[in-house]
Protein backbone atom coordinates (compact mmCIF):
# COMPACT_ATOMS: atom_id res chain seq x y z
CA MET A 1 133.82 105.72 115.14
CA PHE A 2 130.93 104.23 112.32
CA ARG A 3 129.37 102.64 115.28
CA VAL A 4 129.08 105.71 117.10
CA ILE A 5 127.83 107.59 114.00
CA SER A 6 125.39 104.19 113.35
CA ILE A 7 124.07 104.55 117.18
CA ILE A 8 123.97 108.56 116.75
CA GLY A 9 121.64 107.92 113.08
CA PHE A 10 119.71 104.89 114.54
CA LEU A 11 118.64 107.05 117.69
CA GLY A 12 117.61 110.24 115.70
CA ILE A 13 115.56 107.36 113.55
CA VAL A 14 113.83 106.65 116.35
CA ILE A 15 112.74 109.77 117.27
CA ALA A 16 111.57 110.54 114.18
CA ILE A 17 109.15 107.56 114.13
CA ALA A 18 107.59 107.80 117.40
CA PHE A 19 107.42 111.98 116.43
CA LEU A 20 105.76 110.90 112.86
CA SER A 21 103.90 107.35 114.15
CA ARG A 22 101.41 109.88 115.49
CA LYS A 23 100.00 111.16 111.98
CA GLU A 24 97.39 108.88 110.51
CA THR A 25 99.49 107.88 107.15
CA ASN A 26 102.71 105.73 108.12
CA ALA A 27 104.80 103.18 105.85
CA LEU A 28 103.06 100.40 108.18
CA SER A 29 99.25 101.24 106.65
CA THR A 30 100.95 102.03 103.45
CA LEU A 31 102.98 98.02 102.70
CA THR A 32 99.25 96.50 104.23
CA SER A 33 97.09 98.25 101.59
CA LEU A 34 99.78 97.52 98.71
CA LEU A 35 99.75 93.71 99.93
CA ARG A 36 96.11 94.05 100.09
CA SER A 37 96.22 95.27 95.96
CA GLY A 38 97.96 92.49 94.81
CA LYS A 39 99.48 94.65 91.27
CA ARG A 40 102.67 93.39 90.71
CA GLN A 41 104.07 96.85 91.19
CA ASP A 42 103.30 97.17 94.87
CA LEU A 43 104.00 93.84 95.44
CA LEU A 44 107.59 94.93 93.80
CA TYR A 45 108.04 97.43 96.36
CA VAL A 46 106.80 95.21 99.16
CA LEU A 47 109.29 92.93 98.10
CA ALA A 48 112.02 95.43 97.81
CA VAL A 49 111.02 97.06 101.59
CA ALA A 50 110.97 93.21 102.92
CA SER A 51 114.51 92.35 101.40
CA PHE A 52 115.98 96.32 102.71
CA VAL A 53 114.79 95.26 105.61
CA LEU A 54 116.68 91.93 106.27
CA LEU A 55 119.27 93.98 104.86
CA THR A 56 119.19 96.94 107.29
CA LEU A 57 118.69 94.05 110.50
CA SER A 58 121.20 92.36 109.18
CA GLY A 59 123.84 94.25 108.71
CA PHE A 60 123.76 97.13 111.86
CA LEU A 61 122.84 94.64 114.05
CA PRO A 62 126.15 92.92 115.05
CA VAL A 63 127.57 96.79 114.97
CA LEU A 64 124.89 98.56 117.18
CA LEU A 65 124.91 96.42 119.42
CA ALA A 66 128.50 94.27 119.68
CA GLY A 67 130.89 96.64 117.48
CA ASN A 68 131.24 94.02 115.40
CA SER A 69 131.45 93.24 111.65
CA VAL A 70 128.19 90.91 110.21
CA SER A 71 129.23 87.15 110.29
CA GLY A 72 127.42 83.53 111.36
CA ALA A 73 123.97 83.31 110.24
CA LEU A 74 123.62 87.60 109.41
CA LEU A 75 126.46 87.42 107.66
CA PHE A 76 124.24 84.38 105.09
CA ILE A 77 120.66 86.29 105.76
CA HIS A 78 122.84 89.53 103.95
CA VAL A 79 124.52 87.62 101.58
CA ILE A 80 121.10 86.33 100.23
CA ALA A 81 118.83 88.86 101.01
CA ALA A 82 121.38 91.40 98.53
CA PRO A 83 120.71 89.72 95.08
CA VAL A 84 117.17 90.81 96.13
CA PHE A 85 117.04 94.21 97.19
CA ALA A 86 119.43 95.08 93.79
CA VAL A 87 117.09 93.10 91.49
CA CYS A 88 113.86 94.84 93.17
CA ILE A 89 115.37 98.87 93.33
CA ALA A 90 117.02 98.60 89.88
CA ALA A 91 113.18 97.54 88.65
CA VAL A 92 111.84 100.61 90.86
CA ALA A 93 114.42 102.81 88.75
CA VAL A 94 113.41 101.66 85.52
CA LEU A 95 109.52 102.17 86.39
CA TRP A 96 109.97 105.15 88.20
CA VAL A 97 112.84 107.32 87.54
CA ARG A 98 110.38 108.72 84.79
CA HIS A 99 108.03 110.26 87.12
CA HIS A 100 110.32 111.56 89.01
CA ARG A 101 112.82 113.73 86.71
CA LEU A 102 113.71 117.36 88.59
CA ASP A 103 111.60 119.87 85.95
CA LYS A 104 112.32 123.35 85.93
CA ALA A 105 109.55 124.03 88.44
CA ASN A 106 112.24 121.95 90.98
CA TRP A 107 115.22 123.43 89.81
CA GLN A 108 113.22 127.15 91.14
CA SER A 109 112.18 125.18 94.82
CA LEU A 110 115.87 124.25 95.35
CA LEU A 111 117.39 127.18 94.16
CA ARG A 112 115.05 129.00 96.60
CA LEU A 113 115.62 126.13 99.43
CA THR A 114 119.81 127.02 99.20
CA LEU A 115 119.17 130.34 99.27
CA LEU A 116 117.23 130.08 102.64
CA GLN A 117 113.93 132.11 100.70
CA PRO A 118 110.33 131.17 101.90
CA ALA A 119 107.87 129.39 99.48
CA PRO A 120 105.05 131.29 98.80
CA VAL A 121 102.17 129.44 99.65
CA GLU A 122 100.58 128.52 96.63
CA ARG A 123 104.19 126.57 95.87
CA HIS A 124 104.14 124.03 98.85
CA ALA A 125 102.96 121.30 96.67
CA GLN A 126 106.24 122.00 94.59
CA THR A 127 108.38 121.73 97.70
CA ALA A 128 106.82 119.19 98.67
CA GLU A 129 106.94 117.31 95.47
CA LEU A 130 111.10 118.23 95.39
CA GLY A 131 111.26 116.66 98.48
CA GLN A 132 109.74 113.38 96.99
CA LYS A 133 112.37 113.64 93.83
CA LEU A 134 115.76 114.52 96.05
CA ARG A 135 114.57 111.27 98.63
CA PHE A 136 113.83 109.32 95.27
CA TRP A 137 117.84 110.35 94.28
CA ALA A 138 118.74 109.41 97.48
CA ILE A 139 117.68 106.01 97.79
CA LEU A 140 118.87 105.47 94.19
CA LEU A 141 122.14 106.65 94.84
CA SER A 142 122.93 105.87 97.84
CA SER A 143 121.84 101.86 96.64
CA ALA A 144 123.87 101.70 93.74
CA SER A 145 127.29 103.29 95.78
CA ALA A 146 126.19 100.69 98.55
CA ILE A 147 126.28 97.63 95.48
CA LEU A 148 129.15 98.92 93.89
CA SER A 149 131.17 98.97 96.83
CA ILE A 150 130.95 96.12 98.15
CA VAL A 151 130.99 93.91 94.66
CA LEU A 152 134.25 95.65 93.89
CA SER A 153 135.14 95.04 96.83
CA MET A 154 135.12 91.08 96.49
CA TYR A 155 137.40 91.38 93.26
CA PRO A 156 141.23 91.43 93.51
CA LEU A 157 141.03 94.90 92.35
CA PHE A 158 142.80 96.98 94.67
CA GLY A 159 144.94 96.63 97.54
CA THR A 160 144.33 95.91 101.29
CA TYR A 161 143.39 99.85 102.20
CA GLY A 162 141.10 100.51 98.49
CA GLN A 163 139.35 96.90 100.19
CA THR A 164 138.70 98.82 103.19
CA VAL A 165 137.68 102.57 102.27
CA LEU A 166 135.77 100.65 99.87
CA LEU A 167 134.45 98.53 103.15
CA HIS A 168 133.47 101.70 104.71
CA LEU A 169 131.95 103.08 101.96
CA HIS A 170 129.63 100.55 101.52
CA GLY A 171 128.83 100.96 105.26
CA TYR A 172 128.62 104.89 105.30
CA SER A 173 126.15 104.33 102.09
CA ALA A 174 123.82 102.13 103.82
CA LEU A 175 123.55 104.18 106.77
CA PHE A 176 122.49 106.45 104.39
CA LEU A 177 120.52 104.47 102.26
CA VAL A 178 118.25 103.71 105.80
CA LEU A 179 118.60 107.31 106.78
CA ALA A 180 116.23 108.24 103.91
CA VAL A 181 114.24 104.96 103.34
CA VAL A 182 113.49 106.44 106.64
CA ALA A 183 113.00 109.87 106.33
CA GLY A 184 110.20 109.75 104.00
CA SER A 185 108.60 106.60 105.25
CA TYR A 186 106.47 108.13 108.11
CA LEU A 187 105.54 110.65 105.83
CA PRO A 188 101.99 111.19 103.93
CA MET A 189 103.62 111.66 100.62
CA THR A 190 104.48 108.13 100.55
CA SER A 191 101.17 106.38 99.21
CA ARG A 192 101.23 109.37 96.55
CA GLN A 193 104.72 108.26 95.15
CA VAL A 194 103.58 105.07 94.46
CA ASP A 195 100.73 105.61 93.16
CA ALA A 196 102.22 108.22 91.01
CA GLY A 197 104.92 105.62 89.70
CA LYS A 198 102.48 104.21 88.09
CA ARG A 199 102.02 106.45 85.74
């Protein structure tokens, strides 16, 4: 079942990238500009993305191609990249969490969206800001869920069924994390998000 859901999710990602990559601003151009800047926060962001890509490839390739769990060399890569990503995502959280707090205007935009009320033209910027903040929190929460579930499964605190549940939680959290990251990486707001985090 997880393989089917993963295939559907990644097909959606490929279609979205093919459609949205026509725009001038995309993830590759953003990462290239960050690498050239040489600033610490930018390099931290690039390191987080690089470890994320390694985790995604090593974690999902066996599932998507063969329906197997991670093992061998891919498991080694996965285990090496995981702590790097965990440290980077913690640093990103500390550095950017203040800027991504939901304020009163954001809650009003969220309420309007849940009630399916169209936003006035002058409030489209608030809606875009809300989307950026929600994406940030989705990435943090799914990262925390993926990290905690796999760490807890390594300790003899749960029985066989509990460890199975934790492994499934790890897989679905990772899939949601990939969807959340890719969903925003091909939007023009990406570079503005990085710049805003430096304030």
